[in-house]
Amino acid sequence: SKIHDALFKICPLGLKPAYRGSFSGVARRFVAPQA
């Protein structure tokens, strides 16, 4: 709140995020194939 001058809010369920970046080869095996 001090940094952003706003209250922290948890995203509503069902709201789909925008994805950026990638997984390392090691992490990729833990991600569901459809993801």
PDB file of all heavy atoms in Angstrom:
ATOM      1  N   SER A   1       0.824  -1.217   0.000  1.00  0.00           N
ATOM      2  CA  SER A   1       0.000   0.000   0.000  1.00  0.00           C
ATOM      3  C   SER A   1       0.856   1.264   0.000  1.00  0.00           C
ATOM      4  O   SER A   1       0.532   2.232  -0.688  1.00  0.00           O
ATOM      5  CB  SER A   1      -0.932   0.008   1.205  1.00  0.00           C
ATOM      6  OG  SER A   1      -1.852  -1.042   1.118  1.00  0.00           O
ATOM      7  N   LYS A   2       1.948   1.253   0.744  1.00  0.00           N
ATOM      8  CA  LYS A   2       2.836   2.419   0.774  1.00  0.00           C
ATOM      9  C   LYS A   2       3.523   2.632  -0.575  1.00  0.00           C
ATOM     10  O   LYS A   2       3.675   3.759  -1.031  1.00  0.00           O
ATOM     11  CB  LYS A   2       3.892   2.247   1.869  1.00  0.00           C
ATOM     12  CG  LYS A   2       3.344   2.403   3.265  1.00  0.00           C
ATOM     13  CD  LYS A   2       4.426   2.169   4.292  1.00  0.00           C
ATOM     14  CE  LYS A   2       3.871   2.267   5.687  1.00  0.00           C
ATOM     15  NZ  LYS A   2       4.884   1.956   6.714  1.00  0.00           N
ATOM     16  N   ILE A   3       3.928   1.534  -1.203  1.00  0.00           N
ATOM     17  CA  ILE A   3       4.637   1.634  -2.488  1.00  0.00           C
ATOM     18  C   ILE A   3       3.694   2.056  -3.610  1.00  0.00           C
ATOM     19  O   ILE A   3       4.028   2.916  -4.419  1.00  0.00           O
ATOM     20  CB  ILE A   3       5.303   0.289  -2.844  1.00  0.00           C
ATOM     21  CG1 ILE A   3       6.436  -0.003  -1.854  1.00  0.00           C
ATOM     22  CG2 ILE A   3       5.819   0.284  -4.284  1.00  0.00           C
ATOM     23  CD1 ILE A   3       6.992  -1.415  -1.939  1.00  0.00           C
ATOM     24  N   HIS A   4       2.503   1.456  -3.668  1.00  0.00           N
ATOM     25  CA  HIS A   4       1.585   1.656  -4.789  1.00  0.00           C
ATOM     26  C   HIS A   4       0.457   2.641  -4.511  1.00  0.00           C
ATOM     27  O   HIS A   4      -0.349   2.912  -5.399  1.00  0.00           O
ATOM     28  CB  HIS A   4       0.989   0.314  -5.217  1.00  0.00           C
ATOM     29  CG  HIS A   4       2.025  -0.648  -5.704  1.00  0.00           C
ATOM     30  ND1 HIS A   4       2.577  -0.572  -6.964  1.00  0.00           N
ATOM     31  CD2 HIS A   4       2.634  -1.694  -5.091  1.00  0.00           C
ATOM     32  CE1 HIS A   4       3.459  -1.538  -7.116  1.00  0.00           C
ATOM     33  NE2 HIS A   4       3.518  -2.229  -5.991  1.00  0.00           N
ATOM     34  N   ASP A   5       0.377   3.132  -3.288  1.00  0.00           N
ATOM     35  CA  ASP A   5      -0.697   4.044  -2.896  1.00  0.00           C
ATOM     36  C   ASP A   5      -2.068   3.444  -3.216  1.00  0.00           C
ATOM     37  O   ASP A   5      -2.973   4.130  -3.706  1.00  0.00           O
ATOM     38  CB  ASP A   5      -0.531   5.404  -3.571  1.00  0.00           C
ATOM     39  CG  ASP A   5      -1.369   6.485  -2.893  1.00  0.00           C
ATOM     40  OD1 ASP A   5      -1.616   6.353  -1.672  1.00  0.00           O
ATOM     41  OD2 ASP A   5      -1.774   7.434  -3.582  1.00  0.00           O
ATOM     42  N   ALA A   6      -2.187   2.142  -2.996  1.00  0.00           N
ATOM     43  CA  ALA A   6      -3.441   1.417  -3.227  1.00  0.00           C
ATOM     44  C   ALA A   6      -3.413   0.143  -2.392  1.00  0.00           C
ATOM     45  O   ALA A   6      -2.336  -0.379  -2.080  1.00  0.00           O
ATOM     46  CB  ALA A   6      -3.588   1.061  -4.700  1.00  0.00           C
ATOM     47  N   LEU A   7      -4.587  -0.354  -2.055  1.00  0.00           N
ATOM     48  CA  LEU A   7      -4.667  -1.592  -1.305  1.00  0.00           C
ATOM     49  C   LEU A   7      -4.340  -2.775  -2.202  1.00  0.00           C
ATOM     50  O   LEU A   7      -4.682  -2.786  -3.387  1.00  0.00           O
ATOM     51  CB  LEU A   7      -6.071  -1.779  -0.727  1.00  0.00           C
ATOM     52  CG  LEU A   7      -6.501  -0.761   0.327  1.00  0.00           C
ATOM     53  CD1 LEU A   7      -7.950  -1.008   0.725  1.00  0.00           C
ATOM     54  CD2 LEU A   7      -5.588  -0.842   1.540  1.00  0.00           C
ATOM     55  N   PHE A   8      -3.690  -3.791  -1.638  1.00  0.00           N
ATOM     56  CA  PHE A   8      -3.412  -5.021  -2.365  1.00  0.00           C
ATOM     57  C   PHE A   8      -4.721  -5.771  -2.562  1.00  0.00           C
ATOM     58  O   PHE A   8      -5.522  -5.900  -1.648  1.00  0.00           O
ATOM     59  CB  PHE A   8      -2.428  -5.895  -1.584  1.00  0.00           C
ATOM     60  CG  PHE A   8      -2.211  -7.242  -2.200  1.00  0.00           C
ATOM     61  CD1 PHE A   8      -1.392  -7.377  -3.305  1.00  0.00           C
ATOM     62  CD2 PHE A   8      -2.841  -8.356  -1.693  1.00  0.00           C
ATOM     63  CE1 PHE A   8      -1.195  -8.612  -3.890  1.00  0.00           C
ATOM     64  CE2 PHE A   8      -2.651  -9.601  -2.262  1.00  0.00           C
ATOM     65  CZ  PHE A   8      -1.826  -9.728  -3.367  1.00  0.00           C
ATOM     66  N   LYS A   9      -4.957  -6.259  -3.777  1.00  0.00           N
ATOM     67  CA  LYS A   9      -6.154  -7.047  -4.069  1.00  0.00           C
ATOM     68  C   LYS A   9      -5.739  -8.335  -4.759  1.00  0.00           C
ATOM     69  O   LYS A   9      -4.892  -8.324  -5.650  1.00  0.00           O
ATOM     70  CB  LYS A   9      -7.112  -6.285  -4.995  1.00  0.00           C
ATOM     71  CG  LYS A   9      -7.780  -5.104  -4.333  1.00  0.00           C
ATOM     72  CD  LYS A   9      -8.858  -4.548  -5.229  1.00  0.00           C
ATOM     73  CE  LYS A   9      -8.252  -3.448  -6.079  1.00  0.00           C
ATOM     74  NZ  LYS A   9      -9.199  -2.749  -6.912  1.00  0.00           N
ATOM     75  N   ILE A  10      -6.340  -9.428  -4.336  1.00  0.00           N
ATOM     76  CA  ILE A  10      -6.110 -10.714  -4.990  1.00  0.00           C
ATOM     77  C   ILE A  10      -6.957 -10.736  -6.262  1.00  0.00           C
ATOM     78  O   ILE A  10      -8.105 -10.294  -6.259  1.00  0.00           O
ATOM     79  CB  ILE A  10      -6.485 -11.879  -4.054  1.00  0.00           C
ATOM     80  CG1 ILE A  10      -5.545 -11.863  -2.839  1.00  0.00           C
ATOM     81  CG2 ILE A  10      -6.434 -13.202  -4.785  1.00  0.00           C
ATOM     82  CD1 ILE A  10      -5.890 -12.861  -1.777  1.00  0.00           C
ATOM     83  N   CYS A  11      -6.392 -11.252  -7.344  1.00  0.00           N
ATOM     84  CA  CYS A  11      -7.121 -11.307  -8.617  1.00  0.00           C
ATOM     85  C   CYS A  11      -8.362 -12.174  -8.470  1.00  0.00           C
ATOM     86  O   CYS A  11      -8.315 -13.233  -7.836  1.00  0.00           O
ATOM     87  CB  CYS A  11      -6.246 -11.898  -9.712  1.00  0.00           C
ATOM     88  SG  CYS A  11      -4.918 -10.819 -10.201  1.00  0.00           S
ATOM     89  N   PRO A  12      -9.471 -11.755  -9.063  1.00  0.00           N
ATOM     90  CA  PRO A  12     -10.686 -12.568  -9.011  1.00  0.00           C
ATOM     91  C   PRO A  12     -10.455 -13.920  -9.690  1.00  0.00           C
ATOM     92  O   PRO A  12      -9.704 -14.017 -10.666  1.00  0.00           O
ATOM     93  CB  PRO A  12     -11.704 -11.753  -9.807  1.00  0.00           C
ATOM     94  CG  PRO A  12     -11.123 -10.402  -9.957  1.00  0.00           C
ATOM     95  CD  PRO A  12      -9.641 -10.530  -9.804  1.00  0.00           C
ATOM     96  N   LEU A  13     -11.111 -14.955  -9.168  1.00  0.00           N
ATOM     97  CA  LEU A  13     -11.003 -16.274  -9.785  1.00  0.00           C
ATOM     98  C   LEU A  13     -11.497 -16.214 -11.217  1.00  0.00           C
ATOM     99  O   LEU A  13     -12.454 -15.513 -11.533  1.00  0.00           O
ATOM    100  CB  LEU A  13     -11.828 -17.289  -8.998  1.00  0.00           C
ATOM    101  CG  LEU A  13     -11.330 -17.595  -7.599  1.00  0.00           C
ATOM    102  CD1 LEU A  13     -12.279 -18.556  -6.897  1.00  0.00           C
ATOM    103  CD2 LEU A  13      -9.939 -18.188  -7.635  1.00  0.00           C
ATOM    104  N   GLY A  14     -10.842 -16.939 -12.083  1.00  0.00           N
ATOM    105  CA  GLY A  14     -11.249 -16.990 -13.480  1.00  0.00           C
ATOM    106  C   GLY A  14     -10.604 -15.938 -14.356  1.00  0.00           C
ATOM    107  O   GLY A  14     -10.706 -16.009 -15.574  1.00  0.00           O
ATOM    108  N   LEU A  15      -9.931 -14.968 -13.781  1.00  0.00           N
ATOM    109  CA  LEU A  15      -9.259 -13.943 -14.568  1.00  0.00           C
ATOM    110  C   LEU A  15      -7.954 -14.534 -15.105  1.00  0.00           C
ATOM    111  O   LEU A  15      -7.114 -14.989 -14.347  1.00  0.00           O
ATOM    112  CB  LEU A  15      -8.968 -12.717 -13.714  1.00  0.00           C
ATOM    113  CG  LEU A  15      -8.434 -11.489 -14.430  1.00  0.00           C
ATOM    114  CD1 LEU A  15      -9.419 -11.003 -15.487  1.00  0.00           C
ATOM    115  CD2 LEU A  15      -8.182 -10.370 -13.435  1.00  0.00           C
ATOM    116  N   LYS A  16      -7.812 -14.587 -16.401  1.00  0.00           N
ATOM    117  CA  LYS A  16      -6.646 -15.209 -17.036  1.00  0.00           C
ATOM    118  C   LYS A  16      -5.501 -14.197 -17.151  1.00  0.00           C
ATOM    119  O   LYS A  16      -5.690 -13.110 -17.678  1.00  0.00           O
ATOM    120  CB  LYS A  16      -7.001 -15.702 -18.433  1.00  0.00           C
ATOM    121  CG  LYS A  16      -8.189 -16.637 -18.462  1.00  0.00           C
ATOM    122  CD  LYS A  16      -7.754 -18.038 -18.226  1.00  0.00           C
ATOM    123  CE  LYS A  16      -8.952 -18.944 -18.439  1.00  0.00           C
ATOM    124  NZ  LYS A  16      -8.948 -20.129 -17.739  1.00  0.00           N
ATOM    125  N   PRO A  17      -4.307 -14.557 -16.668  1.00  0.00           N
ATOM    126  CA  PRO A  17      -3.169 -13.632 -16.763  1.00  0.00           C
ATOM    127  C   PRO A  17      -2.554 -13.628 -18.156  1.00  0.00           C
ATOM    128  O   PRO A  17      -2.745 -14.549 -18.948  1.00  0.00           O
ATOM    129  CB  PRO A  17      -2.181 -14.204 -15.746  1.00  0.00           C
ATOM    130  CG  PRO A  17      -2.473 -15.668 -15.747  1.00  0.00           C
ATOM    131  CD  PRO A  17      -3.967 -15.782 -15.956  1.00  0.00           C
ATOM    132  N   ALA A  18      -1.783 -12.617 -18.433  1.00  0.00           N
ATOM    133  CA  ALA A  18      -0.941 -12.578 -19.626  1.00  0.00           C
ATOM    134  C   ALA A  18       0.386 -13.207 -19.213  1.00  0.00           C
ATOM    135  O   ALA A  18       0.931 -12.887 -18.158  1.00  0.00           O
ATOM    136  CB  ALA A  18      -0.732 -11.139 -20.077  1.00  0.00           C
ATOM    137  N   TYR A  19       0.886 -14.139 -19.999  1.00  0.00           N
ATOM    138  CA  TYR A  19       2.129 -14.829 -19.678  1.00  0.00           C
ATOM    139  C   TYR A  19       3.291 -14.202 -20.432  1.00  0.00           C
ATOM    140  O   TYR A  19       3.192 -13.922 -21.613  1.00  0.00           O
ATOM    141  CB  TYR A  19       2.028 -16.309 -20.049  1.00  0.00           C
ATOM    142  CG  TYR A  19       0.963 -17.044 -19.276  1.00  0.00           C
ATOM    143  CD1 TYR A  19      -0.276 -17.304 -19.837  1.00  0.00           C
ATOM    144  CD2 TYR A  19       1.198 -17.458 -17.974  1.00  0.00           C
ATOM    145  CE1 TYR A  19      -1.256 -17.964 -19.124  1.00  0.00           C
ATOM    146  CE2 TYR A  19       0.224 -18.122 -17.252  1.00  0.00           C
ATOM    147  CZ  TYR A  19      -1.007 -18.378 -17.836  1.00  0.00           C
ATOM    148  OH  TYR A  19      -1.968 -19.028 -17.129  1.00  0.00           O
ATOM    149  N   ARG A  20       4.404 -14.007 -19.748  1.00  0.00           N
ATOM    150  CA  ARG A  20       5.628 -13.483 -20.358  1.00  0.00           C
ATOM    151  C   ARG A  20       6.808 -14.291 -19.830  1.00  0.00           C
ATOM    152  O   ARG A  20       6.808 -14.714 -18.680  1.00  0.00           O
ATOM    153  CB  ARG A  20       5.847 -12.002 -19.996  1.00  0.00           C
ATOM    154  CG  ARG A  20       4.767 -11.083 -20.489  1.00  0.00           C
ATOM    155  CD  ARG A  20       4.791 -10.959 -22.016  1.00  0.00           C
ATOM    156  NE  ARG A  20       3.813 -10.024 -22.490  1.00  0.00           N
ATOM    157  CZ  ARG A  20       2.582 -10.341 -22.895  1.00  0.00           C
ATOM    158  NH1 ARG A  20       2.176 -11.577 -22.867  1.00  0.00           N
ATOM    159  NH2 ARG A  20       1.757  -9.417 -23.323  1.00  0.00           N
ATOM    160  N   GLY A  21       7.806 -14.491 -20.660  1.00  0.00           N
ATOM    161  CA  GLY A  21       8.984 -15.227 -20.238  1.00  0.00           C
ATOM    162  C   GLY A  21       8.927 -16.676 -20.686  1.00  0.00           C
ATOM    163  O   GLY A  21       8.134 -17.051 -21.545  1.00  0.00           O
ATOM    164  N   SER A  22       9.779 -17.514 -20.095  1.00  0.00           N
ATOM    165  CA  SER A  22       9.825 -18.930 -20.451  1.00  0.00           C
ATOM    166  C   SER A  22      10.339 -19.732 -19.258  1.00  0.00           C
ATOM    167  O   SER A  22      10.874 -19.183 -18.303  1.00  0.00           O
ATOM    168  CB  SER A  22      10.734 -19.143 -21.657  1.00  0.00           C
ATOM    169  OG  SER A  22      12.053 -18.745 -21.342  1.00  0.00           O
ATOM    170  N   PHE A  23      10.166 -21.044 -19.349  1.00  0.00           N
ATOM    171  CA  PHE A  23      10.659 -21.942 -18.312  1.00  0.00           C
ATOM    172  C   PHE A  23      12.022 -22.489 -18.717  1.00  0.00           C
ATOM    173  O   PHE A  23      12.275 -22.707 -19.898  1.00  0.00           O
ATOM    174  CB  PHE A  23       9.722 -23.140 -18.142  1.00  0.00           C
ATOM    175  CG  PHE A  23       8.374 -22.792 -17.599  1.00  0.00           C
ATOM    176  CD1 PHE A  23       7.254 -22.855 -18.405  1.00  0.00           C
ATOM    177  CD2 PHE A  23       8.222 -22.424 -16.283  1.00  0.00           C
ATOM    178  CE1 PHE A  23       6.015 -22.547 -17.907  1.00  0.00           C
ATOM    179  CE2 PHE A  23       6.981 -22.110 -15.768  1.00  0.00           C
ATOM    180  CZ  PHE A  23       5.875 -22.176 -16.587  1.00  0.00           C
ATOM    181  N   SER A  24      12.856 -22.759 -17.745  1.00  0.00           N
ATOM    182  CA  SER A  24      14.130 -23.428 -18.024  1.00  0.00           C
ATOM    183  C   SER A  24      13.821 -24.882 -18.368  1.00  0.00           C
ATOM    184  O   SER A  24      12.730 -25.388 -18.094  1.00  0.00           O
ATOM    185  CB  SER A  24      15.047 -23.369 -16.803  1.00  0.00           C
ATOM    186  OG  SER A  24      14.525 -24.189 -15.770  1.00  0.00           O
ATOM    187  N   GLY A  25      14.784 -25.571 -18.940  1.00  0.00           N
ATOM    188  CA  GLY A  25      14.594 -26.978 -19.284  1.00  0.00           C
ATOM    189  C   GLY A  25      14.237 -27.824 -18.073  1.00  0.00           C
ATOM    190  O   GLY A  25      13.411 -28.724 -18.151  1.00  0.00           O
ATOM    191  N   VAL A  26      14.858 -27.545 -16.944  1.00  0.00           N
ATOM    192  CA  VAL A  26      14.588 -28.305 -15.724  1.00  0.00           C
ATOM    193  C   VAL A  26      13.153 -28.073 -15.251  1.00  0.00           C
ATOM    194  O   VAL A  26      12.437 -29.010 -14.902  1.00  0.00           O
ATOM    195  CB  VAL A  26      15.580 -27.914 -14.609  1.00  0.00           C
ATOM    196  CG1 VAL A  26      15.224 -28.579 -13.302  1.00  0.00           C
ATOM    197  CG2 VAL A  26      16.996 -28.264 -15.018  1.00  0.00           C
ATOM    198  N   ALA A  27      12.705 -26.841 -15.259  1.00  0.00           N
ATOM    199  CA  ALA A  27      11.358 -26.515 -14.776  1.00  0.00           C
ATOM    200  C   ALA A  27      10.270 -27.016 -15.724  1.00  0.00           C
ATOM    201  O   ALA A  27       9.173 -27.337 -15.287  1.00  0.00           O
ATOM    202  CB  ALA A  27      11.218 -25.008 -14.600  1.00  0.00           C
ATOM    203  N   ARG A  28      10.587 -27.114 -17.000  1.00  0.00           N
ATOM    204  CA  ARG A  28       9.595 -27.482 -18.008  1.00  0.00           C
ATOM    205  C   ARG A  28       8.948 -28.836 -17.719  1.00  0.00           C
ATOM    206  O   ARG A  28       7.782 -29.048 -17.984  1.00  0.00           O
ATOM    207  CB  ARG A  28      10.254 -27.495 -19.393  1.00  0.00           C
ATOM    208  CG  ARG A  28       9.333 -27.051 -20.475  1.00  0.00           C
ATOM    209  CD  ARG A  28      10.067 -26.918 -21.805  1.00  0.00           C
ATOM    210  NE  ARG A  28      10.532 -25.543 -21.945  1.00  0.00           N
ATOM    211  CZ  ARG A  28      11.751 -25.169 -22.235  1.00  0.00           C
ATOM    212  NH1 ARG A  28      12.681 -26.057 -22.464  1.00  0.00           N
ATOM    213  NH2 ARG A  28      12.070 -23.898 -22.321  1.00  0.00           N
ATOM    214  N   ARG A  29       9.705 -29.756 -17.118  1.00  0.00           N
ATOM    215  CA  ARG A  29       9.138 -31.091 -16.863  1.00  0.00           C
ATOM    216  C   ARG A  29       8.062 -31.079 -15.778  1.00  0.00           C
ATOM    217  O   ARG A  29       7.305 -32.029 -15.645  1.00  0.00           O
ATOM    218  CB  ARG A  29      10.245 -32.073 -16.522  1.00  0.00           C
ATOM    219  CG  ARG A  29      10.915 -31.796 -15.202  1.00  0.00           C
ATOM    220  CD  ARG A  29      12.063 -32.742 -15.000  1.00  0.00           C
ATOM    221  NE  ARG A  29      12.776 -32.353 -13.800  1.00  0.00           N
ATOM    222  CZ  ARG A  29      13.372 -33.194 -12.998  1.00  0.00           C
ATOM    223  NH1 ARG A  29      13.385 -34.470 -13.267  1.00  0.00           N
ATOM    224  NH2 ARG A  29      13.987 -32.757 -11.926  1.00  0.00           N
ATOM    225  N   PHE A  30       7.984 -30.008 -14.984  1.00  0.00           N
ATOM    226  CA  PHE A  30       6.981 -29.915 -13.930  1.00  0.00           C
ATOM    227  C   PHE A  30       5.716 -29.197 -14.392  1.00  0.00           C
ATOM    228  O   PHE A  30       4.755 -29.094 -13.647  1.00  0.00           O
ATOM    229  CB  PHE A  30       7.553 -29.181 -12.710  1.00  0.00           C
ATOM    230  CG  PHE A  30       8.679 -29.928 -12.068  1.00  0.00           C
ATOM    231  CD1 PHE A  30       9.990 -29.542 -12.301  1.00  0.00           C
ATOM    232  CD2 PHE A  30       8.436 -31.016 -11.260  1.00  0.00           C
ATOM    233  CE1 PHE A  30      11.052 -30.236 -11.713  1.00  0.00           C
ATOM    234  CE2 PHE A  30       9.468 -31.712 -10.671  1.00  0.00           C
ATOM    235  CZ  PHE A  30      10.774 -31.329 -10.902  1.00  0.00           C
ATOM    236  N   VAL A  31       5.729 -28.677 -15.601  1.00  0.00           N
ATOM    237  CA  VAL A  31       4.590 -27.920 -16.125  1.00  0.00           C
ATOM    238  C   VAL A  31       3.702 -28.870 -16.911  1.00  0.00           C
ATOM    239  O   VAL A  31       4.178 -29.678 -17.689  1.00  0.00           O
ATOM    240  CB  VAL A  31       5.077 -26.764 -17.039  1.00  0.00           C
ATOM    241  CG1 VAL A  31       3.905 -26.005 -17.608  1.00  0.00           C
ATOM    242  CG2 VAL A  31       6.006 -25.842 -16.265  1.00  0.00           C
ATOM    243  N   ALA A  32       2.400 -28.748 -16.713  1.00  0.00           N
ATOM    244  CA  ALA A  32       1.448 -29.596 -17.442  1.00  0.00           C
ATOM    245  C   ALA A  32       1.666 -29.399 -18.944  1.00  0.00           C
ATOM    246  O   ALA A  32       1.877 -28.285 -19.396  1.00  0.00           O
ATOM    247  CB  ALA A  32       0.026 -29.208 -17.060  1.00  0.00           C
ATOM    248  N   PRO A  33       1.622 -30.499 -19.719  1.00  0.00           N
ATOM    249  CA  PRO A  33       1.839 -30.382 -21.174  1.00  0.00           C
ATOM    250  C   PRO A  33       0.942 -29.347 -21.855  1.00  0.00           C
ATOM    251  O   PRO A  33       1.394 -28.624 -22.714  1.00  0.00           O
ATOM    252  CB  PRO A  33       1.538 -31.797 -21.690  1.00  0.00           C
ATOM    253  CG  PRO A  33       1.768 -32.682 -20.517  1.00  0.00           C
ATOM    254  CD  PRO A  33       1.382 -31.855 -19.305  1.00  0.00           C
ATOM    255  N   GLN A  34      -0.312 -29.246 -21.428  1.00  0.00           N
ATOM    256  CA  GLN A  34      -1.210 -28.282 -22.061  1.00  0.00           C
ATOM    257  C   GLN A  34      -0.802 -26.842 -21.765  1.00  0.00           C
ATOM    258  O   GLN A  34      -1.077 -25.943 -22.532  1.00  0.00           O
ATOM    259  CB  GLN A  34      -2.679 -28.512 -21.656  1.00  0.00           C
ATOM    260  CG  GLN A  34      -2.967 -28.312 -20.189  1.00  0.00           C
ATOM    261  CD  GLN A  34      -2.775 -29.560 -19.350  1.00  0.00           C
ATOM    262  OE1 GLN A  34      -2.087 -30.488 -19.732  1.00  0.00           O
ATOM    263  NE2 GLN A  34      -3.393 -29.596 -18.192  1.00  0.00           N
ATOM    264  N   ALA A  35      -0.070 -26.600 -20.677  1.00  0.00           N
ATOM    265  CA  ALA A  35       0.362 -25.248 -20.339  1.00  0.00           C
ATOM    266  C   ALA A  35       1.523 -24.798 -21.225  1.00  0.00           C
ATOM    267  O   ALA A  35       1.728 -23.613 -21.412  1.00  0.00           O
ATOM    268  CB  ALA A  35       0.771 -25.160 -18.875  1.00  0.00           C
TER     269      ALA A  35
END
